[in-house]
Every structure is written in C-alpha cells, then in structure tokens.
N, C-alpha and C. Protein backbone atom coordinates (compact mmCIF):
# COMPACT_ATOMS: atom_id res chain seq x y z
N UNK A 1 223.60 -17.82 5.74
CA UNK A 1 223.81 -18.67 6.80
C UNK A 1 225.20 -18.84 8.07
N UNK A 2 224.56 -19.12 9.06
CA UNK A 2 226.05 -18.76 10.06
C UNK A 2 226.73 -19.51 9.94
N UNK A 3 228.36 -19.10 10.20
CA UNK A 3 229.64 -19.74 10.26
C UNK A 3 230.16 -20.03 11.48
N UNK A 4 230.17 -21.52 11.55
CA UNK A 4 230.72 -22.12 12.69
C UNK A 4 232.43 -21.20 12.95
N UNK A 5 232.32 -20.97 14.50
CA UNK A 5 233.44 -20.80 14.89
C UNK A 5 234.27 -21.61 16.32
N UNK A 6 235.19 -21.51 15.63
CA UNK A 6 236.15 -22.36 17.06
C UNK A 6 237.04 -21.92 17.50
N UNK A 7 237.12 -21.35 19.50
CA UNK A 7 238.03 -20.70 19.85
C UNK A 7 238.64 -21.47 20.49
N UNK A 8 240.27 -20.90 20.90
CA UNK A 8 240.83 -22.32 21.70
C UNK A 8 241.84 -21.52 22.61
N UNK A 9 241.65 -22.15 23.78
CA UNK A 9 242.35 -21.25 25.53
C UNK A 9 243.37 -22.62 24.96
N UNK A 10 244.83 -22.48 25.24
CA UNK A 10 245.98 -22.60 25.19
C UNK A 10 246.78 -22.37 26.65
N UNK A 11 247.58 -23.36 26.60
CA UNK A 11 249.14 -23.19 27.63
C UNK A 11 250.09 -23.34 27.27
N UNK A 12 251.57 -22.86 26.52
CA UNK A 12 252.46 -22.46 26.33
C UNK A 12 253.63 -22.85 27.74
N UNK A 13 253.72 -23.56 27.89
CA UNK A 13 255.54 -23.49 28.27
C UNK A 13 257.03 -23.40 27.97
N UNK A 14 257.50 -22.64 28.62
CA UNK A 14 259.30 -22.77 28.69
C UNK A 14 259.83 -23.88 28.84
N UNK A 15 260.88 -24.51 29.30
CA UNK A 15 261.71 -25.11 29.59
C UNK A 15 262.12 -25.18 30.64
N UNK A 16 262.00 -24.11 31.24
CA UNK A 16 262.17 -23.38 32.97
C UNK A 16 260.56 -23.61 33.72
N UNK A 17 259.63 -24.12 32.80
CA UNK A 17 258.03 -24.16 33.49
C UNK A 17 257.65 -22.76 33.55
N UNK A 18 258.05 -21.60 33.20
CA UNK A 18 257.38 -20.27 32.65
C UNK A 18 256.20 -20.80 31.82
N UNK A 19 254.63 -20.42 32.46
CA UNK A 19 253.64 -20.65 31.26
C UNK A 19 252.57 -19.14 30.92
N UNK A 20 252.52 -19.34 30.03
CA UNK A 20 251.48 -18.95 29.79
C UNK A 20 250.05 -18.90 29.03
N UNK A 21 248.85 -18.58 29.35
CA UNK A 21 247.49 -18.50 28.75
C UNK A 21 247.19 -17.71 27.87
N UNK A 22 247.16 -18.25 26.78
CA UNK A 22 245.88 -17.62 25.70
C UNK A 22 244.89 -18.08 25.25
N UNK A 23 244.22 -17.34 24.33
CA UNK A 23 243.29 -17.82 23.44
C UNK A 23 243.42 -17.08 21.62
N UNK A 24 242.83 -18.12 20.93
CA UNK A 24 242.96 -17.76 19.44
C UNK A 24 241.70 -18.58 18.90
N UNK A 25 241.85 -17.86 17.25
CA UNK A 25 240.96 -18.93 16.54
C UNK A 25 241.35 -19.55 15.92
N UNK A 26 242.04 -19.28 15.73
CA UNK A 26 243.72 -20.26 14.32
C UNK A 26 244.68 -20.91 16.01
N UNK A 27 244.30 -22.39 16.23
CA UNK A 27 245.17 -23.05 17.66
C UNK A 27 246.48 -23.10 15.97
N UNK A 28 246.50 -23.76 15.61
CA UNK A 28 247.94 -24.32 14.55
C UNK A 28 248.78 -23.28 14.34
N UNK A 29 247.89 -22.00 13.71
CA UNK A 29 248.76 -20.93 12.88
C UNK A 29 249.27 -19.67 14.30
N UNK A 30 248.56 -20.20 15.65
CA UNK A 30 249.26 -19.15 16.92
C UNK A 30 250.43 -20.29 17.40
N UNK A 31 250.53 -21.68 17.33
CA UNK A 31 251.52 -22.60 17.45
C UNK A 31 252.72 -21.79 17.29
N UNK A 32 252.60 -21.52 15.81
CA UNK A 32 253.59 -21.90 14.94
C UNK A 32 254.10 -20.74 15.16
N UNK A 33 253.35 -19.19 15.64
CA UNK A 33 253.74 -18.10 15.95
C UNK A 33 254.57 -18.23 17.03
N UNK A 34 254.35 -18.55 18.37
CA UNK A 34 255.17 -18.93 18.91
C UNK A 34 256.40 -20.03 18.88
N UNK A 35 256.24 -20.82 18.49
CA UNK A 35 257.64 -21.89 17.91
C UNK A 35 258.92 -20.21 17.09
N UNK A 36 258.07 -19.67 16.23
CA UNK A 36 258.93 -18.85 15.48
C UNK A 36 259.11 -17.57 15.73
N UNK A 37 258.39 -17.63 17.01
CA UNK A 37 259.35 -16.64 17.52
C UNK A 37 258.12 -14.98 17.34
N UNK A 38 256.75 -15.12 16.49
CA UNK A 38 256.60 -14.17 15.39
C UNK A 38 255.41 -13.46 16.72
N UNK A 39 255.44 -14.19 17.63
CA UNK A 39 253.71 -13.91 19.21
C UNK A 39 254.84 -12.95 19.49
N UNK A 40 255.13 -12.00 19.39
CA UNK A 40 255.38 -11.34 20.35
C UNK A 40 254.95 -10.70 22.13
N UNK A 41 255.74 -10.60 23.16
CA UNK A 41 255.46 -10.48 24.34
C UNK A 41 256.06 -11.28 25.37
N UNK A 42 255.26 -11.17 26.65
CA UNK A 42 255.74 -12.07 27.70
C UNK A 42 256.42 -13.55 27.27
N UNK A 43 255.35 -14.12 26.06
CA UNK A 43 255.64 -15.68 25.91
C UNK A 43 256.78 -15.83 25.12
N UNK A 44 256.89 -15.01 24.46
CA UNK A 44 257.93 -14.57 23.73
C UNK A 44 259.38 -13.97 24.57
N UNK A 45 259.65 -13.63 25.24
CA UNK A 45 260.58 -12.82 25.79
C UNK A 45 260.50 -14.03 27.02
N UNK A 46 260.07 -15.00 27.49
CA UNK A 46 259.75 -15.99 28.24
C UNK A 46 260.44 -17.20 27.43
N UNK A 47 260.25 -17.31 26.09
CA UNK A 47 260.76 -18.59 25.48
C UNK A 47 259.42 -19.73 25.43
N UNK A 48 258.40 -18.99 26.12
CA UNK A 48 257.14 -20.24 25.99
C UNK A 48 256.74 -20.55 24.68
N UNK A 49 256.95 -21.32 24.15
CA UNK A 49 256.83 -22.56 22.92
C UNK A 49 256.42 -23.79 22.80
N UNK A 50 256.08 -24.18 24.00
CA UNK A 50 255.54 -25.97 24.28
C UNK A 50 254.15 -25.60 24.52
N UNK A 51 253.64 -26.42 23.44
CA UNK A 51 252.73 -26.66 23.85
C UNK A 51 251.87 -27.65 24.41
N UNK A 52 251.26 -27.22 26.12
CA UNK A 52 251.12 -28.29 27.01
C UNK A 52 249.56 -28.48 27.54
N UNK A 53 248.54 -27.64 27.06
CA UNK A 53 247.57 -27.72 27.41
C UNK A 53 246.06 -27.30 26.19
N UNK A 54 244.63 -28.10 25.66
CA UNK A 54 244.50 -27.05 24.69
C UNK A 54 243.32 -27.23 25.23
N UNK A 55 242.34 -26.06 25.41
CA UNK A 55 240.82 -26.70 24.70
C UNK A 55 239.86 -26.15 23.86
N UNK A 56 239.21 -26.76 23.48
CA UNK A 56 238.36 -26.17 22.33
C UNK A 56 237.20 -25.31 22.66
N UNK A 57 235.97 -24.48 22.29
CA UNK A 57 235.32 -23.76 22.44
C UNK A 57 234.28 -23.53 21.12
N UNK A 58 233.08 -23.23 21.57
CA UNK A 58 232.38 -23.21 20.19
C UNK A 58 231.40 -21.51 20.91
N UNK A 59 231.58 -21.08 21.62
CA UNK A 59 231.56 -19.75 22.74
C UNK A 59 232.74 -19.06 22.83
N UNK A 60 233.11 -17.75 22.30
CA UNK A 60 234.23 -16.65 22.87
C UNK A 60 234.24 -17.14 24.33
N UNK A 61 232.74 -16.33 24.41
CA UNK A 61 232.87 -15.66 25.81
C UNK A 61 233.10 -16.86 26.82
N UNK A 62 232.59 -18.37 26.49
CA UNK A 62 233.39 -19.30 27.32
C UNK A 62 235.02 -19.58 27.41
N UNK A 63 235.57 -19.01 26.67
CA UNK A 63 236.74 -19.84 26.19
C UNK A 63 237.22 -18.79 26.87
N UNK A 64 236.66 -16.65 27.12
CA UNK A 64 237.77 -16.25 27.43
C UNK A 64 237.34 -16.62 29.31
N UNK A 65 236.19 -16.71 29.80
CA UNK A 65 235.96 -17.01 31.07
C UNK A 65 236.78 -18.53 31.67
N UNK A 66 236.97 -19.32 30.32
CA UNK A 66 238.02 -20.85 31.24
C UNK A 66 239.48 -19.88 31.43
N UNK A 67 239.70 -18.57 30.23
CA UNK A 67 241.07 -18.13 30.59
C UNK A 67 241.34 -17.75 31.96
N UNK A 68 240.45 -16.91 32.46
CA UNK A 68 240.47 -15.70 33.60
C UNK A 68 240.27 -16.87 34.63
N UNK A 69 239.39 -18.05 34.51
CA UNK A 69 239.72 -19.21 35.59
C UNK A 69 240.41 -20.15 35.98
N UNK A 70 241.24 -20.01 34.74
CA UNK A 70 243.06 -20.12 34.70
C UNK A 70 243.98 -18.84 35.24
N UNK A 71 244.03 -18.26 35.15
CA UNK A 71 244.19 -17.29 35.74
C UNK A 71 244.63 -16.75 36.82
N UNK A 72 243.48 -17.06 37.53
CA UNK A 72 243.03 -16.80 38.59
C UNK A 72 243.68 -18.38 40.43
N UNK A 73 244.10 -19.40 39.16
CA UNK A 73 244.57 -20.25 40.15
C UNK A 73 245.95 -19.89 40.23
N UNK A 74 246.82 -18.83 39.05
CA UNK A 74 248.05 -19.27 38.95
C UNK A 74 248.57 -18.11 40.72
C-alpha cells in the first residue's frame, strides 16, 4: 500500500526582516530545528526562526516549484 507523503514549503523570518524559504517533510521538526539553532547555514546565521508562512503539498515537485516561484519574487 502506498504511503501518503506531505511536504511543506515554509518561510521563516528574523527580527530584522531577513527571510529564509525552505522545504521539509516535517514542519514541526524543522521549525524546532530553526528555533534551537540546529538547522545550520543561512537561516541560523541570520537568526531566521519565526515561522511566517507555510503551505502543504502532496507532491514534492509542486513544493519545489512553489519554493522556486517564491525565491524569484525576492
């Protein structure tokens, strides 16, 4: 039996307004990683740890395409 998958496109922000766009298959885990600093890289460097937007997708390609569209707007 096929397993249902859920993918999340999300945006986290810093207090100064820096935004980070990401994708995950576990929104709760990923936001916890942003909040406790274990998600290293750009988001950690700029303290992007406040969830400001999220969308769920059943198809990983749709989530990726949506993320690319958001990044083009920046």
